[in-house]
Amino acid sequence: MPAHAPRRRLLAGPLLVCALAVLAALAPTAGPAVRTVGDSTADSGVDPLLDLIVTRIETGDVVARAKWASRGPVEDPAREQVVLDAARAGATGRGLDPDVVAAVFADQIAASKVVQYGLFSDWTAEPAAAPAPGTDLATVRPVLDRITTGLLDQLAATADRRDGAACGRTVQDAARHAAVRAGFDELHRAALARAVRSLCT
């Protein structure tokens, strides 16, 4: 059995509503969140951004489930281009560099594929663990669109923190803490590592 299978986390049904609740809680108007991890408390300044990235990675489980049920491919170049075009347009409207923002969103797409390919591999090796039909991509895409808006807002809000020599350490620490909070397994931690590659400018 694959190493990440025992802690597979499939968002489905009511958990999609929870994902939207997370987005509402992370609105840019909210004050900075103080996180407690283990015996340490820290405010990295990028926690809301990392929480949104985590939510998008978790939603990749739902995308995988829908594609598996429909026998659809992981690769979807047309949809990916829609996401990247929206990211570029959103960047321009927020005074951000469209190329930098597009790179961040390309990483989010790649991270989702890490999850999807990993789960497809699991389900191919162990068909009994494969999900039953029931989730449609039409249900998931509005959630992803909301996450896109939230990510754009947080990229704008954290622009100063993501610019400088200290950014790499800040992002890596925040990502490690976010993975702990989310209870991520090896597969989802790998996806998170992929998702944060271009956050620092």
C-alpha atoms as a PDB file:
ATOM      1  CA  MET A   1       0.000   0.000   0.000  1.00  0.00           C
ATOM      2  CA  PRO A   2       1.415   3.492  -0.846  1.00  0.00           C
ATOM      3  CA  ALA A   3       3.023   5.325   2.067  1.00  0.00           C
ATOM      4  CA  HIS A   4       0.473   8.146   2.020  1.00  0.00           C
ATOM      5  CA  ALA A   5      -2.628   5.947   1.727  1.00  0.00           C
ATOM      6  CA  PRO A   6      -3.361   5.518   5.465  1.00  0.00           C
ATOM      7  CA  ARG A   7      -3.858   9.250   5.876  1.00  0.00           C
ATOM      8  CA  ARG A   8      -5.621  10.018   2.615  1.00  0.00           C
ATOM      9  CA  ARG A   9      -7.940  12.982   3.106  1.00  0.00           C
ATOM     10  CA  LEU A  10     -10.792  13.291   0.597  1.00  0.00           C
ATOM     11  CA  LEU A  11     -12.842  16.471   0.762  1.00  0.00           C
ATOM     12  CA  ALA A  12     -16.405  15.689  -0.227  1.00  0.00           C
ATOM     13  CA  GLY A  13     -19.960  16.808   0.366  1.00  0.00           C
ATOM     14  CA  PRO A  14     -20.210  19.002   3.494  1.00  0.00           C
ATOM     15  CA  LEU A  15     -16.463  19.596   3.522  1.00  0.00           C
ATOM     16  CA  LEU A  16     -16.809  21.734   0.417  1.00  0.00           C
ATOM     17  CA  VAL A  17     -18.941  24.058   2.516  1.00  0.00           C
ATOM     18  CA  CYS A  18     -16.184  24.058   5.119  1.00  0.00           C
ATOM     19  CA  ALA A  19     -13.703  25.113   2.448  1.00  0.00           C
ATOM     20  CA  LEU A  20     -15.848  28.138   1.655  1.00  0.00           C
ATOM     21  CA  ALA A  21     -16.056  28.925   5.368  1.00  0.00           C
ATOM     22  CA  VAL A  22     -12.269  28.935   5.497  1.00  0.00           C
ATOM     23  CA  LEU A  23     -12.188  31.442   2.644  1.00  0.00           C
ATOM     24  CA  ALA A  24     -14.602  33.721   4.461  1.00  0.00           C
ATOM     25  CA  ALA A  25     -12.502  33.529   7.597  1.00  0.00           C
ATOM     26  CA  LEU A  26      -9.396  34.483   5.630  1.00  0.00           C
ATOM     27  CA  ALA A  27     -10.843  37.634   4.061  1.00  0.00           C
ATOM     28  CA  PRO A  28      -8.161  40.321   3.665  1.00  0.00           C
ATOM     29  CA  THR A  29     -10.020  42.642   6.011  1.00  0.00           C
ATOM     30  CA  ALA A  30      -9.479  40.261   8.892  1.00  0.00           C
ATOM     31  CA  GLY A  31      -6.755  41.017  11.407  1.00  0.00           C
ATOM     32  CA  PRO A  32      -3.545  38.998  11.499  1.00  0.00           C
ATOM     33  CA  ALA A  33      -4.032  35.510  12.857  1.00  0.00           C
ATOM     34  CA  VAL A  34      -1.846  34.176  15.650  1.00  0.00           C
ATOM     35  CA  ARG A  35      -1.075  30.501  15.206  1.00  0.00           C
ATOM     36  CA  THR A  36      -0.049  28.007  17.836  1.00  0.00           C
ATOM     37  CA  VAL A  37       1.967  24.996  16.699  1.00  0.00           C
ATOM     38  CA  GLY A  38       3.298  22.626  19.317  1.00  0.00           C
ATOM     39  CA  ASP A  39       4.646  24.760  22.135  1.00  0.00           C
ATOM     40  CA  SER A  40       5.414  27.794  19.973  1.00  0.00           C
ATOM     41  CA  THR A  41       3.219  30.692  18.913  1.00  0.00           C
ATOM     42  CA  ALA A  42       4.129  32.736  15.869  1.00  0.00           C
ATOM     43  CA  ASP A  43       2.599  35.171  13.428  1.00  0.00           C
ATOM     44  CA  SER A  44       4.524  34.802  10.185  1.00  0.00           C
ATOM     45  CA  GLY A  45       2.432  37.361   8.334  1.00  0.00           C
ATOM     46  CA  VAL A  46       1.826  34.848   5.534  1.00  0.00           C
ATOM     47  CA  ASP A  47      -0.356  32.345   7.417  1.00  0.00           C
ATOM     48  CA  PRO A  48      -3.621  33.350   5.661  1.00  0.00           C
ATOM     49  CA  LEU A  49      -1.879  32.905   2.301  1.00  0.00           C
ATOM     50  CA  LEU A  50      -0.562  29.468   3.292  1.00  0.00           C
ATOM     51  CA  ASP A  51      -3.975  28.434   4.626  1.00  0.00           C
ATOM     52  CA  LEU A  52      -5.530  29.238   1.255  1.00  0.00           C
ATOM     53  CA  ILE A  53      -2.834  27.232  -0.514  1.00  0.00           C
ATOM     54  CA  VAL A  54      -3.545  24.329   1.839  1.00  0.00           C
ATOM     55  CA  THR A  55      -7.272  24.590   1.091  1.00  0.00           C
ATOM     56  CA  ARG A  56      -6.560  24.483  -2.641  1.00  0.00           C
ATOM     57  CA  ILE A  57      -4.384  21.403  -2.211  1.00  0.00           C
ATOM     58  CA  GLU A  58      -7.130  19.703  -0.195  1.00  0.00           C
ATOM     59  CA  THR A  59      -9.604  20.546  -2.924  1.00  0.00           C
ATOM     60  CA  GLY A  60      -7.307  18.664  -5.299  1.00  0.00           C
ATOM     61  CA  ASP A  61      -8.610  15.500  -3.599  1.00  0.00           C
ATOM     62  CA  VAL A  62     -12.108  16.374  -4.758  1.00  0.00           C
ATOM     63  CA  VAL A  63     -10.888  17.105  -8.271  1.00  0.00           C
ATOM     64  CA  ALA A  64      -9.145  13.730  -8.336  1.00  0.00           C
ATOM     65  CA  ARG A  65     -12.306  12.014  -7.166  1.00  0.00           C
ATOM     66  CA  ALA A  66     -14.410  13.674  -9.866  1.00  0.00           C
ATOM     67  CA  LYS A  67     -11.918  12.913 -12.625  1.00  0.00           C
ATOM     68  CA  TRP A  68     -11.565   9.321 -11.491  1.00  0.00           C
ATOM     69  CA  ALA A  69     -15.330   8.841 -11.527  1.00  0.00           C
ATOM     70  CA  SER A  70     -15.639  10.346 -15.007  1.00  0.00           C
ATOM     71  CA  ARG A  71     -12.491   8.606 -16.311  1.00  0.00           C
ATOM     72  CA  GLY A  72     -11.166  12.053 -17.127  1.00  0.00           C
ATOM     73  CA  PRO A  73      -7.450  12.827 -17.454  1.00  0.00           C
ATOM     74  CA  VAL A  74      -5.478  14.696 -14.822  1.00  0.00           C
ATOM     75  CA  GLU A  75      -4.158  17.068 -17.462  1.00  0.00           C
ATOM     76  CA  ASP A  76      -6.621  19.775 -18.507  1.00  0.00           C
ATOM     77  CA  PRO A  77      -4.694  22.427 -20.481  1.00  0.00           C
ATOM     78  CA  ALA A  78      -7.779  24.446 -21.416  1.00  0.00           C
ATOM     79  CA  ARG A  79      -8.916  24.814 -17.783  1.00  0.00           C
ATOM     80  CA  GLU A  80      -5.361  25.543 -16.657  1.00  0.00           C
ATOM     81  CA  GLN A  81      -5.130  28.373 -19.173  1.00  0.00           C
ATOM     82  CA  VAL A  82      -8.394  29.833 -17.843  1.00  0.00           C
ATOM     83  CA  VAL A  83      -6.905  29.844 -14.331  1.00  0.00           C
ATOM     84  CA  LEU A  84      -3.646  31.446 -15.487  1.00  0.00           C
ATOM     85  CA  ASP A  85      -5.470  34.094 -17.530  1.00  0.00           C
ATOM     86  CA  ALA A  86      -7.638  34.962 -14.516  1.00  0.00           C
ATOM     87  CA  ALA A  87      -4.528  35.161 -12.348  1.00  0.00           C
ATOM     88  CA  ARG A  88      -2.827  37.569 -14.747  1.00  0.00           C
ATOM     89  CA  ALA A  89      -5.923  39.747 -14.968  1.00  0.00           C
ATOM     90  CA  GLY A  90      -6.315  39.744 -11.201  1.00  0.00           C
ATOM     91  CA  ALA A  91      -2.666  40.637 -10.741  1.00  0.00           C
ATOM     92  CA  THR A  92      -2.959  43.676 -12.987  1.00  0.00           C
ATOM     93  CA  GLY A  93      -5.995  44.888 -11.061  1.00  0.00           C
ATOM     94  CA  ARG A  94      -4.070  44.621  -7.777  1.00  0.00           C
ATOM     95  CA  GLY A  95      -0.846  46.244  -8.913  1.00  0.00           C
ATOM     96  CA  LEU A  96       1.085  42.958  -8.968  1.00  0.00           C
ATOM     97  CA  ASP A  97       3.468  41.651 -11.612  1.00  0.00           C
ATOM     98  CA  PRO A  98       1.353  39.364 -13.843  1.00  0.00           C
ATOM     99  CA  ASP A  99       4.317  37.114 -14.651  1.00  0.00           C
ATOM    100  CA  VAL A 100       5.137  36.598 -10.967  1.00  0.00           C
ATOM    101  CA  VAL A 101       1.521  35.864 -10.110  1.00  0.00           C
ATOM    102  CA  ALA A 102       1.153  33.506 -13.074  1.00  0.00           C
ATOM    103  CA  ALA A 103       4.195  31.581 -11.797  1.00  0.00           C
ATOM    104  CA  VAL A 104       2.574  31.250  -8.364  1.00  0.00           C
ATOM    105  CA  PHE A 105      -0.635  29.943  -9.900  1.00  0.00           C
ATOM    106  CA  ALA A 106       1.265  27.570 -12.181  1.00  0.00           C
ATOM    107  CA  ASP A 107       2.712  26.143  -8.964  1.00  0.00           C
ATOM    108  CA  GLN A 108      -0.781  25.737  -7.510  1.00  0.00           C
ATOM    109  CA  ILE A 109      -1.846  23.826 -10.614  1.00  0.00           C
ATOM    110  CA  ALA A 110       1.265  21.640 -10.417  1.00  0.00           C
ATOM    111  CA  ALA A 111       0.631  20.983  -6.714  1.00  0.00           C
ATOM    112  CA  SER A 112      -2.914  19.862  -7.451  1.00  0.00           C
ATOM    113  CA  LYS A 113      -1.539  17.463 -10.042  1.00  0.00           C
ATOM    114  CA  VAL A 114       0.838  16.000  -7.458  1.00  0.00           C
ATOM    115  CA  VAL A 115      -2.229  15.108  -5.386  1.00  0.00           C
ATOM    116  CA  GLN A 116      -4.272  13.886  -8.344  1.00  0.00           C
ATOM    117  CA  TYR A 117      -1.545  11.665  -9.789  1.00  0.00           C
ATOM    118  CA  GLY A 118      -0.745  10.331  -6.326  1.00  0.00           C
ATOM    119  CA  LEU A 119      -4.350   9.395  -5.625  1.00  0.00           C
ATOM    120  CA  PHE A 120      -4.810   7.925  -9.105  1.00  0.00           C
ATOM    121  CA  SER A 121      -1.762   5.754  -8.441  1.00  0.00           C
ATOM    122  CA  ASP A 122      -3.247   4.625  -5.126  1.00  0.00           C
ATOM    123  CA  TRP A 123      -6.619   3.781  -6.629  1.00  0.00           C
ATOM    124  CA  THR A 124      -5.068   1.960  -9.576  1.00  0.00           C
ATOM    125  CA  ALA A 125      -2.971  -0.171  -7.223  1.00  0.00           C
ATOM    126  CA  GLU A 126      -5.865  -0.741  -4.815  1.00  0.00           C
ATOM    127  CA  PRO A 127      -9.205  -0.495  -6.655  1.00  0.00           C
ATOM    128  CA  ALA A 128     -11.161  -1.275  -3.495  1.00  0.00           C
ATOM    129  CA  ALA A 129      -9.988   2.049  -2.052  1.00  0.00           C
ATOM    130  CA  ALA A 130     -11.179   4.046  -5.067  1.00  0.00           C
ATOM    131  CA  PRO A 131     -14.006   6.510  -4.382  1.00  0.00           C
ATOM    132  CA  ALA A 132     -17.556   5.877  -5.499  1.00  0.00           C
ATOM    133  CA  PRO A 133     -19.029   8.258  -8.095  1.00  0.00           C
ATOM    134  CA  GLY A 134     -20.767  11.279  -6.692  1.00  0.00           C
ATOM    135  CA  THR A 135     -18.648  14.420  -7.119  1.00  0.00           C
ATOM    136  CA  ASP A 136     -18.806  16.534 -10.249  1.00  0.00           C
ATOM    137  CA  LEU A 137     -16.186  19.073 -11.321  1.00  0.00           C
ATOM    138  CA  ALA A 138     -18.973  21.619 -11.789  1.00  0.00           C
ATOM    139  CA  THR A 139     -19.398  21.542  -8.003  1.00  0.00           C
ATOM    140  CA  VAL A 140     -15.689  22.027  -7.339  1.00  0.00           C
ATOM    141  CA  ARG A 141     -14.858  24.812  -9.752  1.00  0.00           C
ATOM    142  CA  PRO A 142     -16.762  27.588  -7.932  1.00  0.00           C
ATOM    143  CA  VAL A 143     -14.712  26.703  -4.837  1.00  0.00           C
ATOM    144  CA  LEU A 144     -11.498  26.928  -6.848  1.00  0.00           C
ATOM    145  CA  ASP A 145     -12.603  30.275  -8.291  1.00  0.00           C
ATOM    146  CA  ARG A 146     -13.165  31.617  -4.778  1.00  0.00           C
ATOM    147  CA  ILE A 147      -9.731  30.365  -3.756  1.00  0.00           C
ATOM    148  CA  THR A 148      -8.236  32.121  -6.779  1.00  0.00           C
ATOM    149  CA  THR A 149      -9.706  35.428  -5.642  1.00  0.00           C
ATOM    150  CA  GLY A 150      -8.503  34.857  -2.095  1.00  0.00           C
ATOM    151  CA  LEU A 151      -4.996  33.975  -3.251  1.00  0.00           C
ATOM    152  CA  LEU A 152      -4.802  37.114  -5.374  1.00  0.00           C
ATOM    153  CA  ASP A 153      -5.893  39.241  -2.415  1.00  0.00           C
ATOM    154  CA  GLN A 154      -3.354  37.586  -0.123  1.00  0.00           C
ATOM    155  CA  LEU A 155      -0.547  37.896  -2.663  1.00  0.00           C
ATOM    156  CA  ALA A 156      -1.260  41.622  -2.705  1.00  0.00           C
ATOM    157  CA  ALA A 157      -1.507  41.810   1.090  1.00  0.00           C
ATOM    158  CA  THR A 158       1.798  39.964   1.592  1.00  0.00           C
ATOM    159  CA  ALA A 159       3.794  41.553  -1.220  1.00  0.00           C
ATOM    160  CA  ASP A 160       6.232  43.286   1.157  1.00  0.00           C
ATOM    161  CA  ARG A 161       6.787  40.169   3.292  1.00  0.00           C
ATOM    162  CA  ARG A 162       7.471  38.074   0.202  1.00  0.00           C
ATOM    163  CA  ASP A 163      10.150  40.453  -1.050  1.00  0.00           C
ATOM    164  CA  GLY A 164      13.508  40.058   0.648  1.00  0.00           C
ATOM    165  CA  ALA A 165      16.148  37.651   1.853  1.00  0.00           C
ATOM    166  CA  ALA A 166      14.078  36.471   4.811  1.00  0.00           C
ATOM    167  CA  CYS A 167      11.136  35.366   2.657  1.00  0.00           C
ATOM    168  CA  GLY A 168      12.377  31.859   1.937  1.00  0.00           C
ATOM    169  CA  ARG A 169      12.749  30.951   5.603  1.00  0.00           C
ATOM    170  CA  THR A 170       9.452  32.645   6.500  1.00  0.00           C
ATOM    171  CA  VAL A 171       7.523  30.764   3.830  1.00  0.00           C
ATOM    172  CA  GLN A 172       9.147  27.412   4.610  1.00  0.00           C
ATOM    173  CA  ASP A 173       8.398  27.769   8.328  1.00  0.00           C
ATOM    174  CA  ALA A 174       4.822  28.843   7.629  1.00  0.00           C
ATOM    175  CA  ALA A 175       4.367  25.943   5.208  1.00  0.00           C
ATOM    176  CA  ARG A 176       5.658  23.445   7.754  1.00  0.00           C
ATOM    177  CA  HIS A 177       3.257  24.762  10.390  1.00  0.00           C
ATOM    178  CA  ALA A 178       0.370  24.805   7.909  1.00  0.00           C
ATOM    179  CA  ALA A 179       1.036  21.163   7.042  1.00  0.00           C
ATOM    180  CA  VAL A 180       0.915  20.255  10.724  1.00  0.00           C
ATOM    181  CA  ARG A 181      -2.363  22.130  11.231  1.00  0.00           C
ATOM    182  CA  ALA A 182      -3.867  20.389   8.210  1.00  0.00           C
ATOM    183  CA  GLY A 183      -2.640  16.936   9.248  1.00  0.00           C
ATOM    184  CA  PHE A 184      -1.022  16.475   5.849  1.00  0.00           C
ATOM    185  CA  ASP A 185       0.418  13.119   4.854  1.00  0.00           C
ATOM    186  CA  GLU A 186       3.519  12.630   2.689  1.00  0.00           C
ATOM    187  CA  LEU A 187       1.653  13.146  -0.576  1.00  0.00           C
ATOM    188  CA  HIS A 188       0.034  16.411   0.493  1.00  0.00           C
ATOM    189  CA  ARG A 189       3.263  17.697   2.041  1.00  0.00           C
ATOM    190  CA  ALA A 190       4.962  17.121  -1.311  1.00  0.00           C
ATOM    191  CA  ALA A 191       2.170  19.065  -2.999  1.00  0.00           C
ATOM    192  CA  LEU A 192       2.568  21.922  -0.507  1.00  0.00           C
ATOM    193  CA  ALA A 193       6.321  22.071  -1.144  1.00  0.00           C
ATOM    194  CA  ARG A 194       5.559  22.380  -4.848  1.00  0.00           C
ATOM    195  CA  ALA A 195       2.939  25.059  -4.269  1.00  0.00           C
ATOM    196  CA  VAL A 196       5.202  27.510  -2.432  1.00  0.00           C
ATOM    197  CA  ARG A 197       8.160  27.518  -4.833  1.00  0.00           C
ATOM    198  CA  SER A 198       7.448  30.917  -6.388  1.00  0.00           C
ATOM    199  CA  LEU A 199       6.021  32.843  -3.439  1.00  0.00           C
ATOM    200  CA  CYS A 200       9.213  34.817  -2.792  1.00  0.00           C
ATOM    201  CA  THR A 201      10.041  37.613  -5.227  1.00  0.00           C
END
